[in-house]
Amino acid sequence: MASQVASKALEYLEGEVPIGTHLADQLLLPLALAGGGAFRSLEPSSHARTQAEIIRMFLGTETRMTPVSDRVWQFEL
């Protein structure tokens, strides 16, 4: 378990992004309710993709998740 946690932490630190994978999916709804925004994170998790689809269904807001590099992704609402 500890090696998995260390691996994920290292992946986040090497990505040099302000938002981690697990926080990214939680930020989508507040950004959608606020009228939009953008941030960079690591590759979207399945939770982030599901959250984006639920936001689209209920609020009509599209979420763009675009790769910037092999590690960094741009999230825009």
PDB file of N, CA and C in Angstrom:
ATOM      1  N   MET A   1       0.828  -1.188   0.000  1.00  0.00           N
ATOM      2  CA  MET A   1       0.000   0.000   0.000  1.00  0.00           C
ATOM      3  C   MET A   1       0.871   1.250   0.000  1.00  0.00           C
ATOM      4  N   ALA A   2       1.886   1.262   0.827  1.00  0.00           N
ATOM      5  CA  ALA A   2       2.752   2.439   0.921  1.00  0.00           C
ATOM      6  C   ALA A   2       3.452   2.722  -0.403  1.00  0.00           C
ATOM      7  N   SER A   3       3.845   1.673  -1.114  1.00  0.00           N
ATOM      8  CA  SER A   3       4.525   1.896  -2.399  1.00  0.00           C
ATOM      9  C   SER A   3       3.571   2.490  -3.425  1.00  0.00           C
ATOM     10  N   GLN A   4       2.288   2.117  -3.377  1.00  0.00           N
ATOM     11  CA  GLN A   4       1.299   2.705  -4.286  1.00  0.00           C
ATOM     12  C   GLN A   4       1.099   4.189  -3.989  1.00  0.00           C
ATOM     13  N   VAL A   5       1.020   4.527  -2.721  1.00  0.00           N
ATOM     14  CA  VAL A   5       0.857   5.928  -2.316  1.00  0.00           C
ATOM     15  C   VAL A   5       2.079   6.732  -2.746  1.00  0.00           C
ATOM     16  N   ALA A   6       3.251   6.184  -2.516  1.00  0.00           N
ATOM     17  CA  ALA A   6       4.481   6.878  -2.905  1.00  0.00           C
ATOM     18  C   ALA A   6       4.551   7.064  -4.418  1.00  0.00           C
ATOM     19  N   SER A   7       4.134   6.059  -5.162  1.00  0.00           N
ATOM     20  CA  SER A   7       4.133   6.144  -6.623  1.00  0.00           C
ATOM     21  C   SER A   7       3.195   7.246  -7.116  1.00  0.00           C
ATOM     22  N   LYS A   8       2.001   7.320  -6.550  1.00  0.00           N
ATOM     23  CA  LYS A   8       1.028   8.360  -6.930  1.00  0.00           C
ATOM     24  C   LYS A   8       1.539   9.755  -6.553  1.00  0.00           C
ATOM     25  N   ALA A   9       2.152   9.869  -5.383  1.00  0.00           N
ATOM     26  CA  ALA A   9       2.700  11.159  -4.953  1.00  0.00           C
ATOM     27  C   ALA A   9       3.819  11.603  -5.892  1.00  0.00           C
ATOM     28  N   LEU A  10       4.678  10.688  -6.268  1.00  0.00           N
ATOM     29  CA  LEU A  10       5.770  10.999  -7.179  1.00  0.00           C
ATOM     30  C   LEU A  10       5.237  11.403  -8.553  1.00  0.00           C
ATOM     31  N   GLU A  11       4.216  10.704  -9.024  1.00  0.00           N
ATOM     32  CA  GLU A  11       3.587  11.044 -10.310  1.00  0.00           C
ATOM     33  C   GLU A  11       3.053  12.476 -10.280  1.00  0.00           C
ATOM     34  N   TYR A  12       2.378  12.855  -9.192  1.00  0.00           N
ATOM     35  CA  TYR A  12       1.846  14.205  -9.040  1.00  0.00           C
ATOM     36  C   TYR A  12       2.970  15.243  -9.009  1.00  0.00           C
ATOM     37  N   LEU A  13       3.992  14.997  -8.208  1.00  0.00           N
ATOM     38  CA  LEU A  13       5.101  15.949  -8.089  1.00  0.00           C
ATOM     39  C   LEU A  13       5.855  16.122  -9.399  1.00  0.00           C
ATOM     40  N   GLU A  14       6.056  15.046 -10.143  1.00  0.00           N
ATOM     41  CA  GLU A  14       6.760  15.121 -11.422  1.00  0.00           C
ATOM     42  C   GLU A  14       5.915  15.806 -12.494  1.00  0.00           C
ATOM     43  N   GLY A  15       4.589  15.785 -12.326  1.00  0.00           N
ATOM     44  CA  GLY A  15       3.706  16.429 -13.298  1.00  0.00           C
ATOM     45  C   GLY A  15       3.753  17.944 -13.236  1.00  0.00           C
ATOM     46  N   GLU A  16       4.213  18.489 -12.114  1.00  0.00           N
ATOM     47  CA  GLU A  16       4.305  19.934 -11.915  1.00  0.00           C
ATOM     48  C   GLU A  16       2.993  20.645 -12.248  1.00  0.00           C
ATOM     49  N   VAL A  17       1.896  20.119 -11.701  1.00  0.00           N
ATOM     50  CA  VAL A  17       0.576  20.719 -11.875  1.00  0.00           C
ATOM     51  C   VAL A  17       0.044  21.144 -10.508  1.00  0.00           C
ATOM     52  N   PRO A  18      -0.805  22.170 -10.474  1.00  0.00           N
ATOM     53  CA  PRO A  18      -1.317  22.638  -9.187  1.00  0.00           C
ATOM     54  C   PRO A  18      -2.435  21.778  -8.597  1.00  0.00           C
ATOM     55  N   ILE A  19      -3.100  20.987  -9.448  1.00  0.00           N
ATOM     56  CA  ILE A  19      -4.261  20.213  -9.026  1.00  0.00           C
ATOM     57  C   ILE A  19      -3.985  18.733  -9.252  1.00  0.00           C
ATOM     58  N   GLY A  20      -4.156  17.933  -8.216  1.00  0.00           N
ATOM     59  CA  GLY A  20      -3.967  16.493  -8.341  1.00  0.00           C
ATOM     60  C   GLY A  20      -5.175  15.821  -8.977  1.00  0.00           C
ATOM     61  N   THR A  21      -5.003  14.582  -9.383  1.00  0.00           N
ATOM     62  CA  THR A  21      -6.047  13.812 -10.052  1.00  0.00           C
ATOM     63  C   THR A  21      -7.320  13.716  -9.229  1.00  0.00           C
ATOM     64  N   HIS A  22      -7.186  13.472  -7.938  1.00  0.00           N
ATOM     65  CA  HIS A  22      -8.370  13.263  -7.102  1.00  0.00           C
ATOM     66  C   HIS A  22      -9.097  14.559  -6.758  1.00  0.00           C
ATOM     67  N   LEU A  23      -8.408  15.675  -6.814  1.00  0.00           N
ATOM     68  CA  LEU A  23      -9.064  16.962  -6.589  1.00  0.00           C
ATOM     69  C   LEU A  23      -9.729  17.474  -7.870  1.00  0.00           C
ATOM     70  N   ALA A  24      -9.190  17.115  -9.010  1.00  0.00           N
ATOM     71  CA  ALA A  24      -9.705  17.618 -10.295  1.00  0.00           C
ATOM     72  C   ALA A  24     -11.185  17.317 -10.472  1.00  0.00           C
ATOM     73  N   ASP A  25     -11.602  16.076 -10.192  1.00  0.00           N
ATOM     74  CA  ASP A  25     -13.019  15.739 -10.390  1.00  0.00           C
ATOM     75  C   ASP A  25     -13.919  16.488  -9.412  1.00  0.00           C
ATOM     76  N   GLN A  26     -13.387  16.845  -8.241  1.00  0.00           N
ATOM     77  CA  GLN A  26     -14.184  17.575  -7.256  1.00  0.00           C
ATOM     78  C   GLN A  26     -14.319  19.058  -7.582  1.00  0.00           C
ATOM     79  N   LEU A  27     -13.405  19.597  -8.365  1.00  0.00           N
ATOM     80  CA  LEU A  27     -13.454  21.021  -8.726  1.00  0.00           C
ATOM     81  C   LEU A  27     -14.386  21.314  -9.901  1.00  0.00           C
ATOM     82  N   LEU A  28     -14.743  20.299 -10.665  1.00  0.00           N
ATOM     83  CA  LEU A  28     -15.554  20.538 -11.858  1.00  0.00           C
ATOM     84  C   LEU A  28     -16.917  21.145 -11.537  1.00  0.00           C
ATOM     85  N   LEU A  29     -17.619  20.617 -10.563  1.00  0.00           N
ATOM     86  CA  LEU A  29     -18.949  21.142 -10.233  1.00  0.00           C
ATOM     87  C   LEU A  29     -18.899  22.584  -9.727  1.00  0.00           C
ATOM     88  N   PRO A  30     -18.038  22.933  -8.769  1.00  0.00           N
ATOM     89  CA  PRO A  30     -17.983  24.341  -8.352  1.00  0.00           C
ATOM     90  C   PRO A  30     -17.645  25.290  -9.515  1.00  0.00           C
ATOM     91  N   LEU A  31     -16.753  24.873 -10.408  1.00  0.00           N
ATOM     92  CA  LEU A  31     -16.437  25.721 -11.559  1.00  0.00           C
ATOM     93  C   LEU A  31     -17.637  25.872 -12.475  1.00  0.00           C
ATOM     94  N   ALA A  32     -18.366  24.796 -12.693  1.00  0.00           N
ATOM     95  CA  ALA A  32     -19.557  24.863 -13.541  1.00  0.00           C
ATOM     96  C   ALA A  32     -20.603  25.789 -12.926  1.00  0.00           C
ATOM     97  N   LEU A  33     -20.808  25.677 -11.627  1.00  0.00           N
ATOM     98  CA  LEU A  33     -21.795  26.531 -10.948  1.00  0.00           C
ATOM     99  C   LEU A  33     -21.357  27.992 -10.906  1.00  0.00           C
ATOM    100  N   ALA A  34     -20.046  28.224 -10.921  1.00  0.00           N
ATOM    101  CA  ALA A  34     -19.515  29.593 -10.901  1.00  0.00           C
ATOM    102  C   ALA A  34     -19.515  30.233 -12.290  1.00  0.00           C
ATOM    103  N   GLY A  35     -19.818  29.464 -13.311  1.00  0.00           N
ATOM    104  CA  GLY A  35     -19.874  30.026 -14.660  1.00  0.00           C
ATOM    105  C   GLY A  35     -18.664  29.709 -15.515  1.00  0.00           C
ATOM    106  N   GLY A  36     -17.758  28.885 -15.021  1.00  0.00           N
ATOM    107  CA  GLY A  36     -16.621  28.464 -15.836  1.00  0.00           C
ATOM    108  C   GLY A  36     -15.296  28.703 -15.150  1.00  0.00           C
ATOM    109  N   GLY A  37     -14.269  28.248 -15.823  1.00  0.00           N
ATOM    110  CA  GLY A  37     -12.917  28.379 -15.300  1.00  0.00           C
ATOM    111  C   GLY A  37     -12.029  27.339 -15.944  1.00  0.00           C
ATOM    112  N   ALA A  38     -10.781  27.318 -15.536  1.00  0.00           N
ATOM    113  CA  ALA A  38      -9.820  26.370 -16.102  1.00  0.00           C
ATOM    114  C   ALA A  38      -8.744  26.055 -15.077  1.00  0.00           C
ATOM    115  N   PHE A  39      -8.166  24.887 -15.210  1.00  0.00           N
ATOM    116  CA  PHE A  39      -7.022  24.495 -14.389  1.00  0.00           C
ATOM    117  C   PHE A  39      -6.276  23.376 -15.101  1.00  0.00           C
ATOM    118  N   ARG A  40      -5.073  23.115 -14.632  1.00  0.00           N
ATOM    119  CA  ARG A  40      -4.265  22.023 -15.174  1.00  0.00           C
ATOM    120  C   ARG A  40      -4.090  20.949 -14.120  1.00  0.00           C
ATOM    121  N   SER A  41      -4.106  19.710 -14.584  1.00  0.00           N
ATOM    122  CA  SER A  41      -3.944  18.564 -13.709  1.00  0.00           C
ATOM    123  C   SER A  41      -3.300  17.434 -14.505  1.00  0.00           C
ATOM    124  N   LEU A  42      -3.277  16.270 -13.910  1.00  0.00           N
ATOM    125  CA  LEU A  42      -2.796  15.073 -14.592  1.00  0.00           C
ATOM    126  C   LEU A  42      -3.941  14.495 -15.419  1.00  0.00           C
ATOM    127  N   GLU A  43      -3.705  13.382 -16.078  1.00  0.00           N
ATOM    128  CA  GLU A  43      -4.731  12.767 -16.931  1.00  0.00           C
ATOM    129  C   GLU A  43      -6.030  12.574 -16.152  1.00  0.00           C
ATOM    130  N   PRO A  44      -7.164  12.904 -16.768  1.00  0.00           N
ATOM    131  CA  PRO A  44      -8.451  12.792 -16.074  1.00  0.00           C
ATOM    132  C   PRO A  44      -8.732  11.352 -15.635  1.00  0.00           C
ATOM    133  N   SER A  45      -9.242  11.228 -14.423  1.00  0.00           N
ATOM    134  CA  SER A  45      -9.644   9.920 -13.909  1.00  0.00           C
ATOM    135  C   SER A  45     -11.022   9.567 -14.462  1.00  0.00           C
ATOM    136  N   SER A  46     -11.424   8.337 -14.244  1.00  0.00           N
ATOM    137  CA  SER A  46     -12.780   7.942 -14.657  1.00  0.00           C
ATOM    138  C   SER A  46     -13.817   8.752 -13.881  1.00  0.00           C
ATOM    139  N   HIS A  47     -13.508   9.123 -12.641  1.00  0.00           N
ATOM    140  CA  HIS A  47     -14.421   9.958 -11.851  1.00  0.00           C
ATOM    141  C   HIS A  47     -14.587  11.334 -12.496  1.00  0.00           C
ATOM    142  N   ALA A  48     -13.496  11.919 -12.979  1.00  0.00           N
ATOM    143  CA  ALA A  48     -13.570  13.233 -13.623  1.00  0.00           C
ATOM    144  C   ALA A  48     -14.407  13.155 -14.896  1.00  0.00           C
ATOM    145  N   ARG A  49     -14.223  12.104 -15.664  1.00  0.00           N
ATOM    146  CA  ARG A  49     -14.998  11.948 -16.903  1.00  0.00           C
ATOM    147  C   ARG A  49     -16.486  11.755 -16.601  1.00  0.00           C
ATOM    148  N   THR A  50     -16.786  10.981 -15.561  1.00  0.00           N
ATOM    149  CA  THR A  50     -18.178  10.788 -15.152  1.00  0.00           C
ATOM    150  C   THR A  50     -18.774  12.096 -14.640  1.00  0.00           C
ATOM    151  N   GLN A  51     -18.024  12.816 -13.832  1.00  0.00           N
ATOM    152  CA  GLN A  51     -18.483  14.102 -13.300  1.00  0.00           C
ATOM    153  C   GLN A  51     -18.776  15.073 -14.443  1.00  0.00           C
ATOM    154  N   ALA A  52     -17.901  15.108 -15.445  1.00  0.00           N
ATOM    155  CA  ALA A  52     -18.102  15.995 -16.595  1.00  0.00           C
ATOM    156  C   ALA A  52     -19.392  15.636 -17.331  1.00  0.00           C
ATOM    157  N   GLU A  53     -19.666  14.353 -17.470  1.00  0.00           N
ATOM    158  CA  GLU A  53     -20.896  13.916 -18.156  1.00  0.00           C
ATOM    159  C   GLU A  53     -22.140  14.270 -17.342  1.00  0.00           C
ATOM    160  N   ILE A  54     -22.085  14.107 -16.036  1.00  0.00           N
ATOM    161  CA  ILE A  54     -23.224  14.461 -15.180  1.00  0.00           C
ATOM    162  C   ILE A  54     -23.465  15.967 -15.227  1.00  0.00           C
ATOM    163  N   ILE A  55     -22.405  16.754 -15.204  1.00  0.00           N
ATOM    164  CA  ILE A  55     -22.538  18.215 -15.292  1.00  0.00           C
ATOM    165  C   ILE A  55     -23.173  18.600 -16.630  1.00  0.00           C
ATOM    166  N   ARG A  56     -22.751  17.945 -17.696  1.00  0.00           N
ATOM    167  CA  ARG A  56     -23.327  18.245 -19.015  1.00  0.00           C
ATOM    168  C   ARG A  56     -24.816  17.912 -19.034  1.00  0.00           C
ATOM    169  N   MET A  57     -25.185  16.766 -18.455  1.00  0.00           N
ATOM    170  CA  MET A  57     -26.581  16.344 -18.462  1.00  0.00           C
ATOM    171  C   MET A  57     -27.478  17.282 -17.653  1.00  0.00           C
ATOM    172  N   PHE A  58     -27.010  17.712 -16.483  1.00  0.00           N
ATOM    173  CA  PHE A  58     -27.856  18.507 -15.589  1.00  0.00           C
ATOM    174  C   PHE A  58     -27.744  20.016 -15.799  1.00  0.00           C
ATOM    175  N   LEU A  59     -26.549  20.495 -16.171  1.00  0.00           N
ATOM    176  CA  LEU A  59     -26.346  21.939 -16.300  1.00  0.00           C
ATOM    177  C   LEU A  59     -26.163  22.400 -17.741  1.00  0.00           C
ATOM    178  N   GLY A  60     -25.921  21.445 -18.637  1.00  0.00           N
ATOM    179  CA  GLY A  60     -25.688  21.815 -20.036  1.00  0.00           C
ATOM    180  C   GLY A  60     -24.313  22.415 -20.271  1.00  0.00           C
ATOM    181  N   THR A  61     -23.421  22.281 -19.317  1.00  0.00           N
ATOM    182  CA  THR A  61     -22.079  22.845 -19.421  1.00  0.00           C
ATOM    183  C   THR A  61     -21.113  21.784 -19.924  1.00  0.00           C
ATOM    184  N   GLU A  62     -20.413  22.105 -20.992  1.00  0.00           N
ATOM    185  CA  GLU A  62     -19.426  21.178 -21.542  1.00  0.00           C
ATOM    186  C   GLU A  62     -18.089  21.346 -20.814  1.00  0.00           C
ATOM    187  N   THR A  63     -17.425  20.242 -20.559  1.00  0.00           N
ATOM    188  CA  THR A  63     -16.100  20.248 -19.959  1.00  0.00           C
ATOM    189  C   THR A  63     -15.109  19.764 -21.008  1.00  0.00           C
ATOM    190  N   ARG A  64     -14.111  20.587 -21.296  1.00  0.00           N
ATOM    191  CA  ARG A  64     -13.062  20.189 -22.238  1.00  0.00           C
ATOM    192  C   ARG A  64     -11.853  19.726 -21.438  1.00  0.00           C
ATOM    193  N   MET A  65     -11.388  18.540 -21.759  1.00  0.00           N
ATOM    194  CA  MET A  65     -10.189  17.981 -21.133  1.00  0.00           C
ATOM    195  C   MET A  65      -9.202  17.708 -22.256  1.00  0.00           C
ATOM    196  N   THR A  66      -8.170  18.534 -22.318  1.00  0.00           N
ATOM    197  CA  THR A  66      -7.241  18.504 -23.446  1.00  0.00           C
ATOM    198  C   THR A  66      -5.827  18.227 -22.958  1.00  0.00           C
ATOM    199  N   PRO A  67      -5.145  17.260 -23.588  1.00  0.00           N
ATOM    200  CA  PRO A  67      -3.751  17.030 -23.194  1.00  0.00           C
ATOM    201  C   PRO A  67      -2.859  18.182 -23.646  1.00  0.00           C
ATOM    202  N   VAL A  68      -2.011  18.653 -22.744  1.00  0.00           N
ATOM    203  CA  VAL A  68      -1.056  19.720 -23.023  1.00  0.00           C
ATOM    204  C   VAL A  68       0.316  19.113 -23.298  1.00  0.00           C
ATOM    205  N   SER A  69       0.609  18.028 -22.592  1.00  0.00           N
ATOM    206  CA  SER A  69       1.847  17.269 -22.792  1.00  0.00           C
ATOM    207  C   SER A  69       1.528  15.811 -22.482  1.00  0.00           C
ATOM    208  N   ASP A  70       2.534  14.971 -22.425  1.00  0.00           N
ATOM    209  CA  ASP A  70       2.270  13.573 -22.127  1.00  0.00           C
ATOM    210  C   ASP A  70       1.779  13.359 -20.691  1.00  0.00           C
ATOM    211  N   ARG A  71       1.939  14.325 -19.804  1.00  0.00           N
ATOM    212  CA  ARG A  71       1.469  14.210 -18.415  1.00  0.00           C
ATOM    213  C   ARG A  71       0.400  15.228 -18.051  1.00  0.00           C
ATOM    214  N   VAL A  72       0.487  16.405 -18.588  1.00  0.00           N
ATOM    215  CA  VAL A  72      -0.365  17.525 -18.159  1.00  0.00           C
ATOM    216  C   VAL A  72      -1.599  17.660 -19.051  1.00  0.00           C
ATOM    217  N   TRP A  73      -2.743  17.900 -18.392  1.00  0.00           N
ATOM    218  CA  TRP A  73      -4.014  18.099 -19.093  1.00  0.00           C
ATOM    219  C   TRP A  73      -4.617  19.431 -18.668  1.00  0.00           C
ATOM    220  N   GLN A  74      -5.275  20.092 -19.604  1.00  0.00           N
ATOM    221  CA  GLN A  74      -6.005  21.333 -19.351  1.00  0.00           C
ATOM    222  C   GLN A  74      -7.487  20.998 -19.224  1.00  0.00           C
ATOM    223  N   PHE A  75      -8.113  21.429 -18.137  1.00  0.00           N
ATOM    224  CA  PHE A  75      -9.552  21.263 -17.914  1.00  0.00           C
ATOM    225  C   PHE A  75     -10.186  22.639 -18.071  1.00  0.00           C
ATOM    226  N   GLU A  76     -11.211  22.744 -18.914  1.00  0.00           N
ATOM    227  CA  GLU A  76     -11.896  24.022 -19.116  1.00  0.00           C
ATOM    228  C   GLU A  76     -13.390  23.806 -19.130  1.00  0.00           C
ATOM    229  N   LEU A  77     -14.100  24.713 -18.477  1.00  0.00           N
ATOM    230  CA  LEU A  77     -15.558  24.703 -18.463  1.00  0.00           C
ATOM    231  C   LEU A  77     -16.053  26.032 -18.974  1.00  0.00           C
TER     232      LEU A  77
END
